[in-house]
Amino acid sequence: MDSMKADMRDEPQTDFIYCSAAVTEVLKFGPCKLHSGHKVLFLIIPGNPGVVGFYRTFMQTLHSMYEYQYPVWAVSHAGHCAPPATMDMVEDASAAEADVFGLNGQIEHKLAFIRKHVPRETSLVLVGHSIGCYIILEMMKRNPELKTLKAVMLFPTIERMSQSPQGKVMTPVLCHMRYIAYLPLFLLSLLPETLKAGLIKLAFGGINSLDHTVIQPTVGLLSGDCAANAMYMGGQEMRKVLERDNITIKNNLEKLIFYYGATDHWCPVQYYHDIRQDFPQGDFRLCENGFRHAFVLDAGRQVAKMVVEWIRGALRT
């Protein structure tokens, strides 16, 4: 009976809402609505593509390891999720005016989500992945009143993105050639779901311990404009994520934990050494487990267990 209860608590709810006038998917483990009695919320800010389904195993592990006492939510990037049949990608013209699918728009989108859906009394444990880390730093900069207990930065792309090994390859693609990719993406979107899933399994075939919960979210990404919106945001990342924001890092150093990959082509090990040199008092960790930048593909559970250990003390205070 107890295991049945645990299983039910491990079942998340998915909500589709409009936030900043753009369709947004919110994956929720634990309570679906927060009130002032909820002391802490874990909020996941994804990488790009900002698809919350990729983080399901990671979130489920966080939720269960804290014995289901803290809600764990993830908010998608605006326009990176296929809307249900009853919703359009945008609610009205204000989404285009605010460039909500661009990098700045996505930062404002997360702040708007917190203002509307998180009580002021609730403290936040922010967990960012990749560009989600840059977004978190910007959120802390733009709203210093944000009640952040800890901000965990996983594989952080917070500087010199276009100069990284992967950035040098992807910058021309995302900034100058992305329109060429739109036709094949459109054609892929017309395929039956089962065929899409088969192609994705084939593409992921080289990953021995693949987390199969990522298959369906990837299928969703190939529907409609989601992948195009992700590429548009990626182009802006290459142009805008340049210098590291040392002022915001310094102002929040005691709240920040950074975890760098040892073989991460988006933020090479040199970036880890540079930031450690600039902030010798900071909490900077280098992966010793060989996890890939896209850790959600095969190591969501293991990374979640590490995060639990890192911040256990902060939740006791």
C-alpha atoms as a PDB file:
ATOM      1  CA  MET A   1       0.000   0.000   0.000  1.00  0.00           C
ATOM      2  CA  ASP A   2       2.827   2.397   0.914  1.00  0.00           C
ATOM      3  CA  SER A   3       4.609   1.721  -2.371  1.00  0.00           C
ATOM      4  CA  MET A   4       1.359   2.469  -4.215  1.00  0.00           C
ATOM      5  CA  LYS A   5       1.165   5.843  -2.454  1.00  0.00           C
ATOM      6  CA  ALA A   6       4.779   6.563  -3.372  1.00  0.00           C
ATOM      7  CA  ASP A   7       4.052   5.650  -6.988  1.00  0.00           C
ATOM      8  CA  MET A   8       1.144   8.108  -7.063  1.00  0.00           C
ATOM      9  CA  ARG A   9       3.328  10.831  -5.557  1.00  0.00           C
ATOM     10  CA  ASP A  10       5.852  10.154  -8.308  1.00  0.00           C
ATOM     11  CA  GLU A  11       3.276  10.908 -11.009  1.00  0.00           C
ATOM     12  CA  PRO A  12       3.641  14.512 -12.169  1.00  0.00           C
ATOM     13  CA  GLN A  13       1.009  16.833 -13.541  1.00  0.00           C
ATOM     14  CA  THR A  14       1.535  18.732 -16.779  1.00  0.00           C
ATOM     15  CA  ASP A  15      -0.128  22.133 -17.172  1.00  0.00           C
ATOM     16  CA  PHE A  16      -0.247  24.268 -20.313  1.00  0.00           C
ATOM     17  CA  ILE A  17      -0.652  27.955 -19.589  1.00  0.00           C
ATOM     18  CA  TYR A  18      -0.083  31.286 -21.260  1.00  0.00           C
ATOM     19  CA  CYS A  19       2.799  33.198 -19.716  1.00  0.00           C
ATOM     20  CA  SER A  20       3.989  36.441 -21.326  1.00  0.00           C
ATOM     21  CA  ALA A  21       1.288  35.638 -23.929  1.00  0.00           C
ATOM     22  CA  ALA A  22       3.157  32.500 -25.109  1.00  0.00           C
ATOM     23  CA  VAL A  23       2.244  28.871 -24.575  1.00  0.00           C
ATOM     24  CA  THR A  24       4.220  27.385 -21.685  1.00  0.00           C
ATOM     25  CA  GLU A  25       4.394  23.845 -20.351  1.00  0.00           C
ATOM     26  CA  VAL A  26       4.840  23.373 -16.605  1.00  0.00           C
ATOM     27  CA  LEU A  27       5.777  19.948 -15.230  1.00  0.00           C
ATOM     28  CA  LYS A  28       4.912  19.589 -11.542  1.00  0.00           C
ATOM     29  CA  PHE A  29       5.874  16.982  -8.975  1.00  0.00           C
ATOM     30  CA  GLY A  30       3.992  17.599  -5.751  1.00  0.00           C
ATOM     31  CA  PRO A  31       1.326  20.286  -5.258  1.00  0.00           C
ATOM     32  CA  CYS A  32      -0.108  21.782  -8.439  1.00  0.00           C
ATOM     33  CA  LYS A  33      -0.822  25.114  -6.755  1.00  0.00           C
ATOM     34  CA  LEU A  34       1.294  26.826  -4.147  1.00  0.00           C
ATOM     35  CA  HIS A  35       0.152  28.788  -1.112  1.00  0.00           C
ATOM     36  CA  SER A  36       2.051  30.730   1.532  1.00  0.00           C
ATOM     37  CA  GLY A  37       2.491  27.544   3.594  1.00  0.00           C
ATOM     38  CA  HIS A  38       4.850  26.128   0.968  1.00  0.00           C
ATOM     39  CA  LYS A  39       8.216  27.180   2.307  1.00  0.00           C
ATOM     40  CA  VAL A  40      10.422  25.949  -0.564  1.00  0.00           C
ATOM     41  CA  LEU A  41       9.956  25.333  -4.293  1.00  0.00           C
ATOM     42  CA  PHE A  42      12.504  23.648  -6.529  1.00  0.00           C
ATOM     43  CA  LEU A  43      12.209  25.371  -9.902  1.00  0.00           C
ATOM     44  CA  ILE A  44      14.028  23.927 -12.913  1.00  0.00           C
ATOM     45  CA  ILE A  45      15.068  26.342 -15.665  1.00  0.00           C
ATOM     46  CA  PRO A  46      15.921  24.170 -18.682  1.00  0.00           C
ATOM     47  CA  GLY A  47      18.592  24.404 -21.319  1.00  0.00           C
ATOM     48  CA  ASN A  48      17.815  24.795 -25.007  1.00  0.00           C
ATOM     49  CA  PRO A  49      15.594  23.202 -26.228  1.00  0.00           C
ATOM     50  CA  GLY A  50      13.597  24.165 -23.153  1.00  0.00           C
ATOM     51  CA  VAL A  51      11.436  21.051 -23.013  1.00  0.00           C
ATOM     52  CA  VAL A  52      10.399  20.144 -19.458  1.00  0.00           C
ATOM     53  CA  GLY A  53       9.769  16.469 -20.257  1.00  0.00           C
ATOM     54  CA  PHE A  54      13.522  15.965 -20.637  1.00  0.00           C
ATOM     55  CA  TYR A  55      13.896  16.600 -16.888  1.00  0.00           C
ATOM     56  CA  ARG A  56      11.255  14.141 -15.676  1.00  0.00           C
ATOM     57  CA  THR A  57      13.650  11.550 -14.189  1.00  0.00           C
ATOM     58  CA  PHE A  58      15.851  14.266 -12.680  1.00  0.00           C
ATOM     59  CA  MET A  59      12.827  15.936 -11.046  1.00  0.00           C
ATOM     60  CA  GLN A  60      11.282  12.674  -9.884  1.00  0.00           C
ATOM     61  CA  THR A  61      14.547  11.768  -8.139  1.00  0.00           C
ATOM     62  CA  LEU A  62      14.765  15.168  -6.399  1.00  0.00           C
ATOM     63  CA  HIS A  63      11.147  14.888  -5.281  1.00  0.00           C
ATOM     64  CA  SER A  64      11.480  11.371  -3.866  1.00  0.00           C
ATOM     65  CA  MET A  65      14.870  11.925  -2.207  1.00  0.00           C
ATOM     66  CA  TYR A  66      13.393  14.774  -0.177  1.00  0.00           C
ATOM     67  CA  GLU A  67      10.565  12.392   0.761  1.00  0.00           C
ATOM     68  CA  TYR A  68       8.025  14.380  -1.257  1.00  0.00           C
ATOM     69  CA  GLN A  69       8.107  17.361   1.121  1.00  0.00           C
ATOM     70  CA  TYR A  70       9.108  19.991  -1.485  1.00  0.00           C
ATOM     71  CA  PRO A  71       7.310  20.679  -4.770  1.00  0.00           C
ATOM     72  CA  VAL A  72       9.571  20.315  -7.812  1.00  0.00           C
ATOM     73  CA  TRP A  73       8.447  22.245 -10.879  1.00  0.00           C
ATOM     74  CA  ALA A  74       9.971  22.881 -14.288  1.00  0.00           C
ATOM     75  CA  VAL A  75       8.853  25.705 -16.575  1.00  0.00           C
ATOM     76  CA  SER A  76       9.450  25.352 -20.307  1.00  0.00           C
ATOM     77  CA  HIS A  77      10.836  28.067 -22.476  1.00  0.00           C
ATOM     78  CA  ALA A  78       8.116  30.037 -24.228  1.00  0.00           C
ATOM     79  CA  GLY A  79       7.149  28.329 -27.473  1.00  0.00           C
ATOM     80  CA  HIS A  80       9.339  25.232 -26.999  1.00  0.00           C
ATOM     81  CA  CYS A  81       6.337  22.982 -26.297  1.00  0.00           C
ATOM     82  CA  ALA A  82       3.676  21.797 -28.718  1.00  0.00           C
ATOM     83  CA  PRO A  83       0.422  23.400 -27.513  1.00  0.00           C
ATOM     84  CA  PRO A  84      -2.662  21.243 -26.992  1.00  0.00           C
ATOM     85  CA  ALA A  85      -5.342  21.445 -29.689  1.00  0.00           C
ATOM     86  CA  THR A  86      -7.294  24.006 -27.649  1.00  0.00           C
ATOM     87  CA  MET A  87      -4.405  26.525 -27.557  1.00  0.00           C
ATOM     88  CA  ASP A  88      -2.367  28.510 -30.062  1.00  0.00           C
ATOM     89  CA  MET A  89       1.370  29.094 -29.781  1.00  0.00           C
ATOM     90  CA  VAL A  90       0.702  32.714 -28.750  1.00  0.00           C
ATOM     91  CA  GLU A  91      -2.267  34.247 -26.985  1.00  0.00           C
ATOM     92  CA  ASP A  92      -2.071  37.648 -28.658  1.00  0.00           C
ATOM     93  CA  ALA A  93       0.241  40.061 -30.486  1.00  0.00           C
ATOM     94  CA  SER A  94       2.032  41.146 -27.293  1.00  0.00           C
ATOM     95  CA  ALA A  95       4.200  37.996 -27.482  1.00  0.00           C
ATOM     96  CA  ALA A  96       5.745  39.180 -30.748  1.00  0.00           C
ATOM     97  CA  GLU A  97       6.139  42.750 -29.463  1.00  0.00           C
ATOM     98  CA  ALA A  98       8.081  41.479 -26.434  1.00  0.00           C
ATOM     99  CA  ASP A  99      10.123  39.053 -28.586  1.00  0.00           C
ATOM    100  CA  VAL A 100       9.193  36.382 -26.052  1.00  0.00           C
ATOM    101  CA  PHE A 101      10.944  33.625 -28.038  1.00  0.00           C
ATOM    102  CA  GLY A 102      14.254  35.535 -27.906  1.00  0.00           C
ATOM    103  CA  LEU A 103      16.739  35.252 -25.046  1.00  0.00           C
ATOM    104  CA  ASN A 104      15.707  38.453 -23.260  1.00  0.00           C
ATOM    105  CA  GLY A 105      12.038  37.535 -23.666  1.00  0.00           C
ATOM    106  CA  GLN A 106      12.682  34.108 -22.114  1.00  0.00           C
ATOM    107  CA  ILE A 107      14.299  35.718 -19.051  1.00  0.00           C
ATOM    108  CA  GLU A 108      11.298  38.042 -18.568  1.00  0.00           C
ATOM    109  CA  HIS A 109       9.021  35.041 -19.176  1.00  0.00           C
ATOM    110  CA  LYS A 110      10.532  33.204 -16.143  1.00  0.00           C
ATOM    111  CA  LEU A 111      10.253  36.268 -13.911  1.00  0.00           C
ATOM    112  CA  ALA A 112       6.622  36.693 -14.988  1.00  0.00           C
ATOM    113  CA  PHE A 113       5.937  33.028 -14.179  1.00  0.00           C
ATOM    114  CA  ILE A 114       7.343  33.414 -10.654  1.00  0.00           C
ATOM    115  CA  ARG A 115       5.392  36.634 -10.036  1.00  0.00           C
ATOM    116  CA  LYS A 116       2.132  34.967 -11.030  1.00  0.00           C
ATOM    117  CA  HIS A 117       2.494  31.421  -9.693  1.00  0.00           C
ATOM    118  CA  VAL A 118       4.898  31.485  -6.708  1.00  0.00           C
ATOM    119  CA  PRO A 119       3.841  33.114  -3.402  1.00  0.00           C
ATOM    120  CA  ARG A 120       6.188  35.823  -2.143  1.00  0.00           C
ATOM    121  CA  GLU A 121       6.750  33.824   1.066  1.00  0.00           C
ATOM    122  CA  THR A 122       8.051  30.767  -0.802  1.00  0.00           C
ATOM    123  CA  SER A 123      11.827  30.421  -1.052  1.00  0.00           C
ATOM    124  CA  LEU A 124      13.320  29.117  -4.285  1.00  0.00           C
ATOM    125  CA  VAL A 125      15.927  26.534  -5.064  1.00  0.00           C
ATOM    126  CA  LEU A 126      16.679  27.387  -8.680  1.00  0.00           C
ATOM    127  CA  VAL A 127      18.262  24.663 -10.788  1.00  0.00           C
ATOM    128  CA  GLY A 128      19.556  25.767 -14.167  1.00  0.00           C
ATOM    129  CA  HIS A 129      20.925  23.663 -16.978  1.00  0.00           C
ATOM    130  CA  SER A 130      23.114  25.108 -19.733  1.00  0.00           C
ATOM    131  CA  ILE A 131      21.533  28.411 -20.897  1.00  0.00           C
ATOM    132  CA  GLY A 132      19.143  28.051 -17.945  1.00  0.00           C
ATOM    133  CA  CYS A 133      22.120  29.080 -15.764  1.00  0.00           C
ATOM    134  CA  TYR A 134      22.548  32.325 -17.715  1.00  0.00           C
ATOM    135  CA  ILE A 135      18.803  32.940 -17.356  1.00  0.00           C
ATOM    136  CA  ILE A 136      19.013  32.413 -13.577  1.00  0.00           C
ATOM    137  CA  LEU A 137      21.877  34.903 -13.210  1.00  0.00           C
ATOM    138  CA  GLU A 138      19.845  37.430 -15.197  1.00  0.00           C
ATOM    139  CA  MET A 139      16.775  36.760 -13.033  1.00  0.00           C
ATOM    140  CA  MET A 140      18.823  37.396  -9.879  1.00  0.00           C
ATOM    141  CA  LYS A 141      20.254  40.560 -11.404  1.00  0.00           C
ATOM    142  CA  ARG A 142      16.896  41.943 -12.550  1.00  0.00           C
ATOM    143  CA  ASN A 143      15.036  41.035  -9.376  1.00  0.00           C
ATOM    144  CA  PRO A 144      17.377  41.231  -6.363  1.00  0.00           C
ATOM    145  CA  GLU A 145      14.330  40.605  -4.130  1.00  0.00           C
ATOM    146  CA  LEU A 146      13.963  37.059  -5.488  1.00  0.00           C
ATOM    147  CA  LYS A 147      13.890  34.724  -2.461  1.00  0.00           C
ATOM    148  CA  THR A 148      16.634  32.392  -3.653  1.00  0.00           C
ATOM    149  CA  LEU A 149      17.983  29.898  -1.125  1.00  0.00           C
ATOM    150  CA  LYS A 150      20.363  28.268  -3.618  1.00  0.00           C
ATOM    151  CA  ALA A 151      20.957  28.376  -7.351  1.00  0.00           C
ATOM    152  CA  VAL A 152      22.509  25.227  -8.805  1.00  0.00           C
ATOM    153  CA  MET A 153      24.194  25.740 -12.174  1.00  0.00           C
ATOM    154  CA  LEU A 154      24.578  22.509 -14.139  1.00  0.00           C
ATOM    155  CA  PHE A 155      26.915  22.636 -17.158  1.00  0.00           C
ATOM    156  CA  PRO A 156      26.623  26.444 -17.183  1.00  0.00           C
ATOM    157  CA  THR A 157      26.793  28.287 -20.501  1.00  0.00           C
ATOM    158  CA  ILE A 158      27.202  31.737 -18.976  1.00  0.00           C
ATOM    159  CA  GLU A 159      30.054  33.151 -21.078  1.00  0.00           C
ATOM    160  CA  ARG A 160      31.835  33.051 -24.435  1.00  0.00           C
ATOM    161  CA  MET A 161      29.369  30.634 -25.992  1.00  0.00           C
ATOM    162  CA  SER A 162      30.326  31.337 -29.598  1.00  0.00           C
ATOM    163  CA  GLN A 163      34.020  30.826 -28.729  1.00  0.00           C
ATOM    164  CA  SER A 164      33.483  27.346 -27.270  1.00  0.00           C
ATOM    165  CA  PRO A 165      34.284  24.340 -29.507  1.00  0.00           C
ATOM    166  CA  GLN A 166      30.573  23.604 -30.033  1.00  0.00           C
ATOM    167  CA  GLY A 167      29.788  27.296 -30.403  1.00  0.00           C
ATOM    168  CA  LYS A 168      32.263  27.662 -33.260  1.00  0.00           C
ATOM    169  CA  VAL A 169      30.395  24.923 -35.129  1.00  0.00           C
ATOM    170  CA  MET A 170      26.868  26.039 -34.255  1.00  0.00           C
ATOM    171  CA  THR A 171      27.152  29.842 -34.529  1.00  0.00           C
ATOM    172  CA  PRO A 172      27.081  29.911 -38.361  1.00  0.00           C
ATOM    173  CA  VAL A 173      24.255  27.353 -38.373  1.00  0.00           C
ATOM    174  CA  LEU A 174      22.089  29.145 -35.794  1.00  0.00           C
ATOM    175  CA  CYS A 175      22.845  32.717 -36.843  1.00  0.00           C
ATOM    176  CA  HIS A 176      23.011  32.490 -40.634  1.00  0.00           C
ATOM    177  CA  MET A 177      21.685  29.142 -41.856  1.00  0.00           C
ATOM    178  CA  ARG A 178      18.824  28.222 -39.566  1.00  0.00           C
ATOM    179  CA  TYR A 179      16.198  28.994 -42.242  1.00  0.00           C
ATOM    180  CA  ILE A 180      17.655  26.156 -44.335  1.00  0.00           C
ATOM    181  CA  ALA A 181      16.714  23.767 -41.516  1.00  0.00           C
ATOM    182  CA  TYR A 182      13.084  24.930 -41.396  1.00  0.00           C
ATOM    183  CA  LEU A 183      11.979  22.910 -44.445  1.00  0.00           C
ATOM    184  CA  PRO A 184      13.279  19.538 -43.186  1.00  0.00           C
ATOM    185  CA  LEU A 185      11.838  20.353 -39.747  1.00  0.00           C
ATOM    186  CA  PHE A 186       8.472  21.094 -41.335  1.00  0.00           C
ATOM    187  CA  LEU A 187       8.597  17.825 -43.285  1.00  0.00           C
ATOM    188  CA  LEU A 188       9.523  15.901 -40.119  1.00  0.00           C
ATOM    189  CA  SER A 189       6.551  17.454 -38.330  1.00  0.00           C
ATOM    190  CA  LEU A 190       4.225  15.866 -40.905  1.00  0.00           C
ATOM    191  CA  LEU A 191       5.376  12.320 -40.124  1.00  0.00           C
ATOM    192  CA  PRO A 192       3.217  10.040 -37.921  1.00  0.00           C
ATOM    193  CA  GLU A 193       4.169  10.101 -34.238  1.00  0.00           C
ATOM    194  CA  THR A 194       5.283   6.455 -34.263  1.00  0.00           C
ATOM    195  CA  LEU A 195       7.655   7.092 -37.152  1.00  0.00           C
ATOM    196  CA  LYS A 196       9.074  10.178 -35.426  1.00  0.00           C
ATOM    197  CA  ALA A 197       9.637   8.123 -32.266  1.00  0.00           C
ATOM    198  CA  GLY A 198      11.401   5.431 -34.308  1.00  0.00           C
ATOM    199  CA  LEU A 199      13.723   7.984 -35.908  1.00  0.00           C
ATOM    200  CA  ILE A 200      14.539   9.500 -32.523  1.00  0.00           C
ATOM    201  CA  LYS A 201      15.355   6.080 -31.040  1.00  0.00           C
ATOM    202  CA  LEU A 202      17.642   5.516 -34.017  1.00  0.00           C
ATOM    203  CA  ALA A 203      19.355   8.893 -33.456  1.00  0.00           C
ATOM    204  CA  PHE A 204      19.865   8.079 -29.760  1.00  0.00           C
ATOM    205  CA  GLY A 205      20.944   4.512 -30.516  1.00  0.00           C
ATOM    206  CA  GLY A 206      24.556   5.113 -29.497  1.00  0.00           C
ATOM    207  CA  ILE A 207      23.597   6.016 -25.897  1.00  0.00           C
ATOM    208  CA  ASN A 208      23.807   2.772 -23.925  1.00  0.00           C
ATOM    209  CA  SER A 209      21.883   3.857 -20.826  1.00  0.00           C
ATOM    210  CA  LEU A 210      19.354   6.078 -22.602  1.00  0.00           C
ATOM    211  CA  ASP A 211      16.519   7.306 -20.384  1.00  0.00           C
ATOM    212  CA  HIS A 212      13.536   6.383 -22.529  1.00  0.00           C
ATOM    213  CA  THR A 213      11.365   9.069 -20.915  1.00  0.00           C
ATOM    214  CA  VAL A 214      13.120  11.588 -23.203  1.00  0.00           C
ATOM    215  CA  ILE A 215      11.734  10.005 -26.396  1.00  0.00           C
ATOM    216  CA  GLN A 216       8.213  11.464 -26.201  1.00  0.00           C
ATOM    217  CA  PRO A 217       9.349  15.030 -25.347  1.00  0.00           C
ATOM    218  CA  THR A 218      11.678  14.892 -28.355  1.00  0.00           C
ATOM    219  CA  VAL A 219       8.761  13.847 -30.558  1.00  0.00           C
ATOM    220  CA  GLY A 220       6.871  16.906 -29.283  1.00  0.00           C
ATOM    221  CA  LEU A 221       9.809  19.126 -30.170  1.00  0.00           C
ATOM    222  CA  LEU A 222       9.472  18.044 -33.811  1.00  0.00           C
ATOM    223  CA  SER A 223       5.883  19.278 -33.950  1.00  0.00           C
ATOM    224  CA  GLY A 224       5.047  22.648 -35.450  1.00  0.00           C
ATOM    225  CA  ASP A 225       7.247  25.615 -34.600  1.00  0.00           C
ATOM    226  CA  CYS A 226       8.914  24.318 -31.412  1.00  0.00           C
ATOM    227  CA  ALA A 227      12.286  23.430 -32.953  1.00  0.00           C
ATOM    228  CA  ALA A 228      12.309  26.657 -34.987  1.00  0.00           C
ATOM    229  CA  ASN A 229      11.717  28.686 -31.796  1.00  0.00           C
ATOM    230  CA  ALA A 230      14.557  26.796 -30.082  1.00  0.00           C
ATOM    231  CA  MET A 231      16.913  27.574 -32.997  1.00  0.00           C
ATOM    232  CA  TYR A 232      15.894  31.240 -32.961  1.00  0.00           C
ATOM    233  CA  MET A 233      16.721  31.459 -29.257  1.00  0.00           C
ATOM    234  CA  GLY A 234      20.000  29.595 -29.894  1.00  0.00           C
ATOM    235  CA  GLY A 235      21.061  32.193 -32.464  1.00  0.00           C
ATOM    236  CA  GLN A 236      20.557  34.940 -29.894  1.00  0.00           C
ATOM    237  CA  GLU A 237      22.566  32.976 -27.323  1.00  0.00           C
ATOM    238  CA  MET A 238      25.557  32.936 -29.661  1.00  0.00           C
ATOM    239  CA  ARG A 239      25.333  36.712 -30.104  1.00  0.00           C
ATOM    240  CA  LYS A 240      24.505  37.736 -26.537  1.00  0.00           C
ATOM    241  CA  VAL A 241      26.201  35.333 -24.123  1.00  0.00           C
ATOM    242  CA  LEU A 242      29.623  36.943 -24.253  1.00  0.00           C
ATOM    243  CA  GLU A 243      31.239  38.171 -21.032  1.00  0.00           C
ATOM    244  CA  ARG A 244      30.615  36.445 -17.721  1.00  0.00           C
ATOM    245  CA  ASP A 245      28.476  38.566 -15.352  1.00  0.00           C
ATOM    246  CA  ASN A 246      31.005  38.800 -12.523  1.00  0.00           C
ATOM    247  CA  ILE A 247      29.027  41.449 -10.624  1.00  0.00           C
ATOM    248  CA  THR A 248      25.928  39.272 -10.255  1.00  0.00           C
ATOM    249  CA  ILE A 249      28.071  36.240  -9.380  1.00  0.00           C
ATOM    250  CA  LYS A 250      29.928  38.243  -6.714  1.00  0.00           C
ATOM    251  CA  ASN A 251      26.677  39.605  -5.252  1.00  0.00           C
ATOM    252  CA  ASN A 252      25.200  36.101  -4.932  1.00  0.00           C
ATOM    253  CA  LEU A 253      28.314  33.962  -4.504  1.00  0.00           C
ATOM    254  CA  GLU A 254      27.189  32.241  -1.283  1.00  0.00           C
ATOM    255  CA  LYS A 255      23.987  31.055  -3.000  1.00  0.00           C
ATOM    256  CA  LEU A 256      25.612  29.666  -6.145  1.00  0.00           C
ATOM    257  CA  ILE A 257      26.885  26.164  -6.903  1.00  0.00           C
ATOM    258  CA  PHE A 258      28.488  25.558 -10.309  1.00  0.00           C
ATOM    259  CA  TYR A 259      29.005  22.112 -11.840  1.00  0.00           C
ATOM    260  CA  TYR A 260      31.196  21.971 -14.941  1.00  0.00           C
ATOM    261  CA  GLY A 261      31.607  19.050 -17.317  1.00  0.00           C
ATOM    262  CA  ALA A 262      35.068  17.573 -17.854  1.00  0.00           C
ATOM    263  CA  THR A 263      34.363  16.996 -21.565  1.00  0.00           C
ATOM    264  CA  ASP A 264      31.799  19.733 -22.228  1.00  0.00           C
ATOM    265  CA  HIS A 265      32.188  21.294 -25.666  1.00  0.00           C
ATOM    266  CA  TRP A 266      29.764  24.114 -24.770  1.00  0.00           C
ATOM    267  CA  CYS A 267      31.802  25.275 -21.790  1.00  0.00           C
ATOM    268  CA  PRO A 268      35.321  23.874 -21.818  1.00  0.00           C
ATOM    269  CA  VAL A 269      37.308  23.051 -18.674  1.00  0.00           C
ATOM    270  CA  GLN A 270      39.283  26.277 -19.134  1.00  0.00           C
ATOM    271  CA  TYR A 271      36.094  28.218 -18.268  1.00  0.00           C
ATOM    272  CA  TYR A 272      35.953  26.279 -14.971  1.00  0.00           C
ATOM    273  CA  HIS A 273      39.583  27.134 -14.158  1.00  0.00           C
ATOM    274  CA  ASP A 274      39.034  30.798 -15.088  1.00  0.00           C
ATOM    275  CA  ILE A 275      35.991  31.278 -12.860  1.00  0.00           C
ATOM    276  CA  ARG A 276      37.654  29.491  -9.930  1.00  0.00           C
ATOM    277  CA  GLN A 277      40.623  31.794 -10.231  1.00  0.00           C
ATOM    278  CA  ASP A 278      38.373  34.871 -10.236  1.00  0.00           C
ATOM    279  CA  PHE A 279      36.247  33.625  -7.311  1.00  0.00           C
ATOM    280  CA  PRO A 280      38.454  31.475  -5.046  1.00  0.00           C
ATOM    281  CA  GLN A 281      35.770  31.465  -2.316  1.00  0.00           C
ATOM    282  CA  GLY A 282      33.066  30.133  -4.650  1.00  0.00           C
ATOM    283  CA  ASP A 283      31.588  26.635  -4.881  1.00  0.00           C
ATOM    284  CA  PHE A 284      32.796  25.290  -8.235  1.00  0.00           C
ATOM    285  CA  ARG A 285      32.836  21.580  -9.024  1.00  0.00           C
ATOM    286  CA  LEU A 286      34.284  19.663 -11.961  1.00  0.00           C
ATOM    287  CA  CYS A 287      32.503  16.491 -13.074  1.00  0.00           C
ATOM    288  CA  GLU A 288      34.415  13.293 -12.236  1.00  0.00           C
ATOM    289  CA  ASN A 289      31.803  10.934 -13.663  1.00  0.00           C
ATOM    290  CA  GLY A 290      32.046  11.578 -17.389  1.00  0.00           C
ATOM    291  CA  PHE A 291      28.513  13.010 -17.620  1.00  0.00           C
ATOM    292  CA  ARG A 292      27.618  14.630 -20.935  1.00  0.00           C
ATOM    293  CA  HIS A 293      26.364  18.227 -21.287  1.00  0.00           C
ATOM    294  CA  ALA A 294      22.894  16.822 -22.076  1.00  0.00           C
ATOM    295  CA  PHE A 295      22.948  14.831 -18.825  1.00  0.00           C
ATOM    296  CA  VAL A 296      19.184  14.254 -18.963  1.00  0.00           C
ATOM    297  CA  LEU A 297      19.690  11.685 -21.728  1.00  0.00           C
ATOM    298  CA  ASP A 298      21.284   9.116 -19.450  1.00  0.00           C
ATOM    299  CA  ALA A 299      22.275  10.545 -16.042  1.00  0.00           C
ATOM    300  CA  GLY A 300      19.281  12.489 -14.694  1.00  0.00           C
ATOM    301  CA  ARG A 301      19.000  10.300 -11.613  1.00  0.00           C
ATOM    302  CA  GLN A 302      22.699  10.458 -10.749  1.00  0.00           C
ATOM    303  CA  VAL A 303      22.920  14.250 -11.144  1.00  0.00           C
ATOM    304  CA  ALA A 304      19.796  14.726  -9.000  1.00  0.00           C
ATOM    305  CA  LYS A 305      21.369  12.670  -6.203  1.00  0.00           C
ATOM    306  CA  MET A 306      24.422  14.925  -6.261  1.00  0.00           C
ATOM    307  CA  VAL A 307      22.272  18.080  -6.135  1.00  0.00           C
ATOM    308  CA  VAL A 308      20.468  16.710  -3.053  1.00  0.00           C
ATOM    309  CA  GLU A 309      23.796  16.260  -1.267  1.00  0.00           C
ATOM    310  CA  TRP A 310      25.084  19.709  -2.231  1.00  0.00           C
ATOM    311  CA  ILE A 311      22.139  21.655  -0.853  1.00  0.00           C
ATOM    312  CA  ARG A 312      21.055  19.517   2.085  1.00  0.00           C
ATOM    313  CA  GLY A 313      22.539  22.029   4.547  1.00  0.00           C
ATOM    314  CA  ALA A 314      20.784  25.036   2.974  1.00  0.00           C
ATOM    315  CA  LEU A 315      17.376  23.440   3.497  1.00  0.00           C
ATOM    316  CA  ARG A 316      18.042  22.812   7.168  1.00  0.00           C
ATOM    317  CA  THR A 317      18.634  26.480   7.957  1.00  0.00           C
END
